[in-house]
Amino acid sequence: MTTLYVDADACPVKDEAERVATRHRVPMKLVANGGLRLSRNPLVEVVIVPEGPDVADMWIADRAGRGDVVVTSDMPLAARCVENGARVLRHNGEALTQANIGAQLATRDLMADLRAADPFRQGGGRAFSKADRARFLDALEREMRAALREGAA
């Protein structure tokens, strides 16, 4: 059965993901270390994992596989989920696949090295926009349909 897993710590698209999961009647797991409000939606389960580095990521990676969709911007988690056969999306709607996950991991490592070498090279980039939300919704809809077809096969 297809499940939508959301790496919910600092996720800006939880509401959009819930709308897509509800439309397709797919269970959704919001996984975090805490600080999430419970949803009244019976399809949404809030999973609170123990404090600790990458505990939420490990929980998702241990469960997500073929026919599932994962929403995360954590590249090591995305890599494990892609390896397990899950469909993975970043919050901006970018699909992470076997074809591009290696480059994404390399870029992540390079940026970490640059930030470590230059303490003034910090900062978060541009703000999350309405266009980003729209791109995410379109991409999640496509990935959900494809995951449901995979799960049925």
N, C-alpha and C. Protein backbone atom coordinates (compact mmCIF):
# COMPACT_ATOMS: atom_id res chain seq x y z
N MET A 1 0.83 -1.18 0.00
CA MET A 1 0.00 0.00 0.00
C MET A 1 0.88 1.25 0.00
N THR A 2 0.56 2.19 -0.82
CA THR A 2 1.31 3.44 -0.92
C THR A 2 1.13 4.26 0.34
N THR A 3 2.24 4.82 0.82
CA THR A 3 2.24 5.71 1.98
C THR A 3 3.04 6.95 1.62
N LEU A 4 2.60 8.10 2.12
CA LEU A 4 3.33 9.34 1.96
C LEU A 4 4.05 9.63 3.27
N TYR A 5 5.38 9.67 3.22
CA TYR A 5 6.21 9.97 4.38
C TYR A 5 6.72 11.40 4.25
N VAL A 6 6.58 12.18 5.32
CA VAL A 6 7.05 13.56 5.31
C VAL A 6 8.05 13.75 6.44
N ASP A 7 9.26 14.14 6.06
CA ASP A 7 10.28 14.53 7.03
C ASP A 7 9.83 15.89 7.54
N ALA A 8 9.09 15.90 8.66
CA ALA A 8 8.28 17.05 9.03
C ALA A 8 9.02 18.15 9.78
N ASP A 9 10.21 17.90 10.28
CA ASP A 9 10.96 18.97 10.95
C ASP A 9 11.25 20.07 9.93
N ALA A 10 10.75 21.26 10.20
CA ALA A 10 10.97 22.43 9.34
C ALA A 10 10.45 22.24 7.91
N CYS A 11 9.44 21.43 7.72
CA CYS A 11 8.87 21.20 6.39
C CYS A 11 7.82 22.28 6.10
N PRO A 12 8.01 23.06 5.03
CA PRO A 12 7.06 24.14 4.73
C PRO A 12 5.82 23.69 3.95
N VAL A 13 5.72 22.41 3.59
CA VAL A 13 4.62 21.97 2.71
C VAL A 13 3.78 20.85 3.33
N LYS A 14 3.69 20.81 4.64
CA LYS A 14 2.89 19.77 5.29
C LYS A 14 1.42 19.85 4.88
N ASP A 15 0.86 21.05 4.86
CA ASP A 15 -0.55 21.20 4.50
C ASP A 15 -0.81 20.77 3.06
N GLU A 16 0.07 21.13 2.16
CA GLU A 16 -0.09 20.74 0.76
C GLU A 16 0.01 19.22 0.62
N ALA A 17 0.94 18.61 1.33
CA ALA A 17 1.08 17.16 1.27
C ALA A 17 -0.18 16.48 1.80
N GLU A 18 -0.73 17.02 2.88
CA GLU A 18 -1.95 16.43 3.44
C GLU A 18 -3.11 16.51 2.45
N ARG A 19 -3.22 17.61 1.72
CA ARG A 19 -4.29 17.73 0.73
C ARG A 19 -4.18 16.66 -0.35
N VAL A 20 -2.96 16.42 -0.83
CA VAL A 20 -2.76 15.41 -1.88
C VAL A 20 -3.02 14.01 -1.33
N ALA A 21 -2.53 13.72 -0.13
CA ALA A 21 -2.77 12.41 0.48
C ALA A 21 -4.27 12.18 0.68
N THR A 22 -4.98 13.19 1.12
CA THR A 22 -6.42 13.07 1.34
C THR A 22 -7.15 12.84 0.02
N ARG A 23 -6.77 13.58 -1.01
CA ARG A 23 -7.42 13.44 -2.32
C ARG A 23 -7.27 12.01 -2.84
N HIS A 24 -6.13 11.39 -2.59
CA HIS A 24 -5.87 10.04 -3.10
C HIS A 24 -6.16 8.96 -2.06
N ARG A 25 -6.61 9.36 -0.89
CA ARG A 25 -6.91 8.44 0.22
C ARG A 25 -5.70 7.56 0.56
N VAL A 26 -4.55 8.22 0.71
CA VAL A 26 -3.29 7.56 1.00
C VAL A 26 -2.87 7.92 2.42
N PRO A 27 -2.46 6.95 3.23
CA PRO A 27 -1.98 7.29 4.58
C PRO A 27 -0.73 8.16 4.52
N MET A 28 -0.65 9.09 5.44
CA MET A 28 0.48 10.02 5.49
C MET A 28 1.09 9.97 6.88
N LYS A 29 2.41 9.86 6.93
CA LYS A 29 3.15 9.84 8.19
C LYS A 29 3.99 11.11 8.27
N LEU A 30 3.68 11.95 9.25
CA LEU A 30 4.49 13.14 9.54
C LEU A 30 5.47 12.73 10.62
N VAL A 31 6.74 12.68 10.30
CA VAL A 31 7.75 12.16 11.22
C VAL A 31 8.64 13.31 11.70
N ALA A 32 8.74 13.44 13.04
CA ALA A 32 9.53 14.55 13.62
C ALA A 32 9.97 14.19 15.03
N ASN A 33 10.85 15.01 15.56
CA ASN A 33 11.30 14.85 16.95
C ASN A 33 10.32 15.47 17.93
N GLY A 34 9.33 16.17 17.46
CA GLY A 34 8.33 16.79 18.33
C GLY A 34 7.90 18.13 17.78
N GLY A 35 7.02 18.77 18.49
CA GLY A 35 6.58 20.10 18.11
C GLY A 35 5.55 20.15 17.01
N LEU A 36 4.90 19.04 16.69
CA LEU A 36 3.87 19.04 15.66
C LEU A 36 2.49 18.95 16.30
N ARG A 37 1.55 19.66 15.70
CA ARG A 37 0.15 19.53 16.14
C ARG A 37 -0.44 18.28 15.51
N LEU A 38 -1.28 17.61 16.26
CA LEU A 38 -1.97 16.44 15.73
C LEU A 38 -2.99 16.89 14.71
N SER A 39 -3.20 16.07 13.71
CA SER A 39 -4.17 16.36 12.67
C SER A 39 -5.47 15.63 12.99
N ARG A 40 -6.57 16.24 12.64
CA ARG A 40 -7.87 15.56 12.79
C ARG A 40 -8.15 14.61 11.63
N ASN A 41 -7.33 14.69 10.61
CA ASN A 41 -7.49 13.86 9.43
C ASN A 41 -7.12 12.41 9.80
N PRO A 42 -8.05 11.47 9.62
CA PRO A 42 -7.75 10.08 9.98
C PRO A 42 -6.65 9.44 9.13
N LEU A 43 -6.32 10.02 8.00
CA LEU A 43 -5.25 9.48 7.15
C LEU A 43 -3.87 9.93 7.60
N VAL A 44 -3.82 10.94 8.47
CA VAL A 44 -2.54 11.52 8.89
C VAL A 44 -2.15 11.02 10.27
N GLU A 45 -0.97 10.43 10.34
CA GLU A 45 -0.41 9.98 11.62
C GLU A 45 0.83 10.81 11.91
N VAL A 46 0.86 11.40 13.09
CA VAL A 46 2.05 12.13 13.53
C VAL A 46 2.91 11.13 14.30
N VAL A 47 4.13 10.93 13.82
CA VAL A 47 5.06 9.99 14.44
C VAL A 47 6.15 10.82 15.13
N ILE A 48 6.18 10.76 16.45
CA ILE A 48 7.20 11.47 17.21
C ILE A 48 8.28 10.45 17.57
N VAL A 49 9.49 10.71 17.10
CA VAL A 49 10.62 9.81 17.37
C VAL A 49 11.46 10.40 18.50
N PRO A 50 12.27 9.58 19.15
CA PRO A 50 13.14 10.10 20.22
C PRO A 50 14.11 11.16 19.69
N GLU A 51 14.51 12.05 20.61
CA GLU A 51 15.52 13.06 20.27
C GLU A 51 16.80 12.36 19.83
N GLY A 52 17.52 13.01 18.97
CA GLY A 52 18.79 12.46 18.53
C GLY A 52 19.03 12.76 17.07
N PRO A 53 20.29 12.77 16.68
CA PRO A 53 20.60 13.09 15.29
C PRO A 53 20.09 12.01 14.33
N ASP A 54 19.34 12.46 13.36
CA ASP A 54 18.88 11.60 12.26
C ASP A 54 17.93 10.48 12.67
N VAL A 55 17.33 10.53 13.85
CA VAL A 55 16.40 9.47 14.27
C VAL A 55 15.17 9.46 13.36
N ALA A 56 14.63 10.64 13.05
CA ALA A 56 13.46 10.71 12.16
C ALA A 56 13.83 10.19 10.77
N ASP A 57 15.02 10.56 10.31
CA ASP A 57 15.46 10.10 8.98
C ASP A 57 15.57 8.58 8.93
N MET A 58 16.15 8.01 9.97
CA MET A 58 16.30 6.54 10.01
C MET A 58 14.94 5.86 10.04
N TRP A 59 13.99 6.45 10.78
CA TRP A 59 12.64 5.87 10.88
C TRP A 59 12.01 5.81 9.50
N ILE A 60 12.11 6.91 8.75
CA ILE A 60 11.53 6.95 7.41
C ILE A 60 12.26 5.99 6.47
N ALA A 61 13.58 6.04 6.47
CA ALA A 61 14.38 5.21 5.55
C ALA A 61 14.16 3.73 5.79
N ASP A 62 13.90 3.34 7.03
CA ASP A 62 13.66 1.93 7.34
C ASP A 62 12.31 1.44 6.84
N ARG A 63 11.40 2.35 6.49
CA ARG A 63 10.05 1.96 6.10
C ARG A 63 9.68 2.27 4.66
N ALA A 64 10.21 3.34 4.10
CA ALA A 64 9.83 3.77 2.75
C ALA A 64 10.46 2.87 1.70
N GLY A 65 9.66 2.52 0.72
CA GLY A 65 10.16 1.67 -0.36
C GLY A 65 9.35 1.85 -1.63
N ARG A 66 9.43 0.87 -2.49
CA ARG A 66 8.74 0.93 -3.78
C ARG A 66 7.25 1.18 -3.58
N GLY A 67 6.72 2.14 -4.33
CA GLY A 67 5.31 2.48 -4.23
C GLY A 67 5.01 3.56 -3.21
N ASP A 68 6.03 4.01 -2.46
CA ASP A 68 5.85 5.08 -1.48
C ASP A 68 6.41 6.39 -2.01
N VAL A 69 5.99 7.50 -1.38
CA VAL A 69 6.50 8.82 -1.72
C VAL A 69 7.07 9.43 -0.44
N VAL A 70 8.24 10.05 -0.55
CA VAL A 70 8.90 10.70 0.59
C VAL A 70 9.13 12.16 0.25
N VAL A 71 8.81 13.04 1.20
CA VAL A 71 9.07 14.47 1.04
C VAL A 71 10.16 14.85 2.04
N THR A 72 11.30 15.31 1.52
CA THR A 72 12.42 15.69 2.37
C THR A 72 13.38 16.57 1.58
N SER A 73 14.14 17.35 2.31
CA SER A 73 15.27 18.07 1.71
C SER A 73 16.58 17.58 2.29
N ASP A 74 16.52 16.50 3.03
CA ASP A 74 17.72 15.89 3.62
C ASP A 74 18.30 14.92 2.60
N MET A 75 19.46 15.24 2.06
CA MET A 75 20.02 14.44 0.97
C MET A 75 20.42 13.02 1.37
N PRO A 76 21.05 12.79 2.53
CA PRO A 76 21.33 11.39 2.88
C PRO A 76 20.04 10.56 3.04
N LEU A 77 19.00 11.14 3.62
CA LEU A 77 17.72 10.42 3.71
C LEU A 77 17.17 10.17 2.32
N ALA A 78 17.20 11.17 1.47
CA ALA A 78 16.70 11.00 0.10
C ALA A 78 17.44 9.88 -0.61
N ALA A 79 18.75 9.84 -0.44
CA ALA A 79 19.55 8.80 -1.11
C ALA A 79 19.13 7.41 -0.65
N ARG A 80 18.93 7.24 0.65
CA ARG A 80 18.51 5.92 1.15
C ARG A 80 17.13 5.55 0.62
N CYS A 81 16.22 6.51 0.57
CA CYS A 81 14.86 6.22 0.09
C CYS A 81 14.85 5.91 -1.40
N VAL A 82 15.64 6.64 -2.17
CA VAL A 82 15.76 6.36 -3.61
C VAL A 82 16.32 4.95 -3.79
N GLU A 83 17.33 4.63 -3.02
CA GLU A 83 17.93 3.29 -3.08
C GLU A 83 16.91 2.20 -2.77
N ASN A 84 15.98 2.49 -1.86
CA ASN A 84 14.94 1.53 -1.49
C ASN A 84 13.80 1.48 -2.50
N GLY A 85 13.83 2.36 -3.52
CA GLY A 85 12.80 2.34 -4.56
C GLY A 85 11.68 3.34 -4.37
N ALA A 86 11.74 4.16 -3.32
CA ALA A 86 10.68 5.16 -3.09
C ALA A 86 10.85 6.33 -4.05
N ARG A 87 9.79 7.05 -4.27
CA ARG A 87 9.81 8.29 -5.03
C ARG A 87 10.05 9.41 -4.03
N VAL A 88 10.99 10.31 -4.33
CA VAL A 88 11.39 11.32 -3.37
C VAL A 88 11.28 12.71 -3.99
N LEU A 89 10.70 13.63 -3.23
CA LEU A 89 10.57 15.03 -3.64
C LEU A 89 11.16 15.95 -2.60
N ARG A 90 11.81 17.01 -3.08
CA ARG A 90 12.22 18.10 -2.20
C ARG A 90 11.01 19.01 -2.01
N HIS A 91 11.11 19.93 -1.06
CA HIS A 91 10.00 20.84 -0.77
C HIS A 91 9.67 21.77 -1.93
N ASN A 92 10.62 21.98 -2.83
CA ASN A 92 10.37 22.85 -3.98
C ASN A 92 9.82 22.08 -5.18
N GLY A 93 9.55 20.79 -5.01
CA GLY A 93 8.98 19.99 -6.09
C GLY A 93 10.00 19.25 -6.93
N GLU A 94 11.27 19.44 -6.65
CA GLU A 94 12.31 18.75 -7.42
C GLU A 94 12.33 17.26 -7.06
N ALA A 95 12.22 16.42 -8.07
CA ALA A 95 12.28 14.97 -7.86
C ALA A 95 13.74 14.54 -7.70
N LEU A 96 13.97 13.68 -6.74
CA LEU A 96 15.30 13.11 -6.52
C LEU A 96 15.25 11.65 -6.96
N THR A 97 16.13 11.30 -7.88
CA THR A 97 16.09 9.98 -8.52
C THR A 97 17.49 9.37 -8.54
N GLN A 98 17.57 8.14 -9.02
CA GLN A 98 18.87 7.49 -9.20
C GLN A 98 19.78 8.34 -10.09
N ALA A 99 19.19 9.04 -11.05
CA ALA A 99 19.97 9.81 -12.02
C ALA A 99 20.59 11.07 -11.43
N ASN A 100 19.97 11.65 -10.38
CA ASN A 100 20.50 12.93 -9.88
C ASN A 100 20.90 12.93 -8.41
N ILE A 101 20.67 11.87 -7.67
CA ILE A 101 20.94 11.90 -6.23
C ILE A 101 22.44 11.99 -5.95
N GLY A 102 23.28 11.38 -6.77
CA GLY A 102 24.72 11.47 -6.55
C GLY A 102 25.22 12.91 -6.65
N ALA A 103 24.76 13.63 -7.67
CA ALA A 103 25.16 15.03 -7.83
C ALA A 103 24.63 15.88 -6.68
N GLN A 104 23.42 15.58 -6.21
CA GLN A 104 22.85 16.32 -5.08
C GLN A 104 23.68 16.12 -3.81
N LEU A 105 24.09 14.88 -3.57
CA LEU A 105 24.92 14.59 -2.39
C LEU A 105 26.28 15.29 -2.50
N ALA A 106 26.86 15.28 -3.70
CA ALA A 106 28.16 15.93 -3.90
C ALA A 106 28.05 17.44 -3.68
N THR A 107 26.98 18.04 -4.18
CA THR A 107 26.77 19.47 -3.99
C THR A 107 26.59 19.80 -2.52
N ARG A 108 25.84 18.97 -1.81
CA ARG A 108 25.64 19.16 -0.38
C ARG A 108 26.97 19.14 0.35
N ASP A 109 27.80 18.16 0.04
CA ASP A 109 29.11 18.06 0.69
C ASP A 109 30.00 19.24 0.35
N LEU A 110 30.00 19.66 -0.91
CA LEU A 110 30.80 20.81 -1.32
C LEU A 110 30.38 22.06 -0.57
N MET A 111 29.07 22.29 -0.47
CA MET A 111 28.58 23.49 0.22
C MET A 111 28.94 23.44 1.71
N ALA A 112 28.88 22.27 2.31
CA ALA A 112 29.27 22.15 3.72
C ALA A 112 30.75 22.49 3.89
N ASP A 113 31.58 22.05 2.97
CA ASP A 113 33.02 22.36 3.03
C ASP A 113 33.25 23.86 2.85
N LEU A 114 32.52 24.49 1.91
CA LEU A 114 32.68 25.93 1.70
C LEU A 114 32.25 26.72 2.93
N ARG A 115 31.15 26.32 3.54
CA ARG A 115 30.70 27.02 4.75
C ARG A 115 31.69 26.85 5.89
N ALA A 116 32.28 25.67 6.00
CA ALA A 116 33.25 25.42 7.06
C ALA A 116 34.53 26.23 6.84
N ALA A 117 34.90 26.43 5.59
CA ALA A 117 36.13 27.17 5.27
C ALA A 117 35.95 28.68 5.40
N ASP A 118 34.73 29.17 5.27
CA ASP A 118 34.47 30.61 5.31
C ASP A 118 33.29 30.87 6.24
N PRO A 119 33.55 31.25 7.48
CA PRO A 119 32.46 31.44 8.44
C PRO A 119 31.49 32.55 8.04
N PHE A 120 31.88 33.41 7.10
CA PHE A 120 30.98 34.47 6.65
C PHE A 120 30.06 34.00 5.54
N ARG A 121 30.30 32.79 5.02
CA ARG A 121 29.47 32.24 3.95
C ARG A 121 28.35 31.42 4.58
N GLN A 122 27.51 32.07 5.29
CA GLN A 122 26.36 31.43 5.91
C GLN A 122 25.12 31.98 5.22
N GLY A 123 23.99 31.65 5.70
CA GLY A 123 22.77 32.21 5.12
C GLY A 123 21.94 31.14 4.47
N GLY A 124 20.68 31.45 4.29
CA GLY A 124 19.75 30.45 3.86
C GLY A 124 19.27 30.53 2.44
N GLY A 125 19.60 31.56 1.69
CA GLY A 125 19.09 31.65 0.33
C GLY A 125 17.77 32.39 0.30
N ARG A 126 17.04 32.19 -0.76
CA ARG A 126 15.79 32.94 -0.94
C ARG A 126 14.64 32.33 -0.15
N ALA A 127 13.61 33.14 0.06
CA ALA A 127 12.44 32.70 0.82
C ALA A 127 11.61 31.71 0.00
N PHE A 128 10.86 30.88 0.70
CA PHE A 128 9.96 29.91 0.06
C PHE A 128 8.74 30.68 -0.46
N SER A 129 8.42 30.55 -1.74
CA SER A 129 7.39 31.37 -2.37
C SER A 129 6.12 30.58 -2.71
N LYS A 130 5.11 31.31 -3.13
CA LYS A 130 3.87 30.69 -3.61
C LYS A 130 4.15 29.83 -4.84
N ALA A 131 5.06 30.28 -5.68
CA ALA A 131 5.42 29.51 -6.87
C ALA A 131 6.07 28.19 -6.47
N ASP A 132 6.89 28.21 -5.40
CA ASP A 132 7.49 26.97 -4.89
C ASP A 132 6.41 26.01 -4.42
N ARG A 133 5.41 26.54 -3.71
CA ARG A 133 4.30 25.69 -3.23
C ARG A 133 3.54 25.08 -4.41
N ALA A 134 3.26 25.89 -5.42
CA ALA A 134 2.54 25.40 -6.60
C ALA A 134 3.34 24.32 -7.32
N ARG A 135 4.66 24.54 -7.46
CA ARG A 135 5.53 23.53 -8.10
C ARG A 135 5.52 22.25 -7.30
N PHE A 136 5.57 22.37 -5.97
CA PHE A 136 5.54 21.19 -5.12
C PHE A 136 4.23 20.43 -5.30
N LEU A 137 3.11 21.14 -5.26
CA LEU A 137 1.81 20.48 -5.42
C LEU A 137 1.72 19.72 -6.74
N ASP A 138 2.13 20.35 -7.83
CA ASP A 138 2.10 19.68 -9.14
C ASP A 138 2.98 18.44 -9.14
N ALA A 139 4.19 18.58 -8.59
CA ALA A 139 5.13 17.45 -8.57
C ALA A 139 4.62 16.33 -7.68
N LEU A 140 4.06 16.67 -6.52
CA LEU A 140 3.56 15.63 -5.61
C LEU A 140 2.38 14.90 -6.25
N GLU A 141 1.53 15.62 -6.93
CA GLU A 141 0.41 14.97 -7.63
C GLU A 141 0.92 13.96 -8.64
N ARG A 142 1.91 14.34 -9.44
CA ARG A 142 2.50 13.42 -10.44
C ARG A 142 3.13 12.20 -9.77
N GLU A 143 3.94 12.45 -8.74
CA GLU A 143 4.62 11.36 -8.06
C GLU A 143 3.63 10.43 -7.35
N MET A 144 2.59 10.99 -6.77
CA MET A 144 1.58 10.17 -6.08
C MET A 144 0.87 9.26 -7.07
N ARG A 145 0.50 9.80 -8.21
CA ARG A 145 -0.16 8.96 -9.22
C ARG A 145 0.76 7.83 -9.69
N ALA A 146 2.03 8.16 -9.91
CA ALA A 146 2.99 7.14 -10.34
C ALA A 146 3.20 6.10 -9.24
N ALA A 147 3.27 6.54 -7.99
CA ALA A 147 3.46 5.61 -6.88
C ALA A 147 2.26 4.68 -6.74
N LEU A 148 1.08 5.22 -6.92
CA LEU A 148 -0.13 4.38 -6.82
C LEU A 148 -0.16 3.33 -7.94
N ARG A 149 0.30 3.72 -9.13
CA ARG A 149 0.39 2.74 -10.23
C ARG A 149 1.41 1.66 -9.88
N GLU A 150 2.57 2.08 -9.32
CA GLU A 150 3.61 1.10 -8.92
C GLU A 150 3.08 0.16 -7.85
N GLY A 151 2.39 0.73 -6.88
CA GLY A 151 1.87 -0.08 -5.78
C GLY A 151 0.83 -1.09 -6.23
N ALA A 152 0.07 -0.72 -7.27
CA ALA A 152 -0.96 -1.62 -7.78
C ALA A 152 -0.37 -2.72 -8.64
N ALA A 153 0.80 -2.48 -9.20
CA ALA A 153 1.43 -3.46 -10.11
C ALA A 153 2.05 -4.60 -9.35
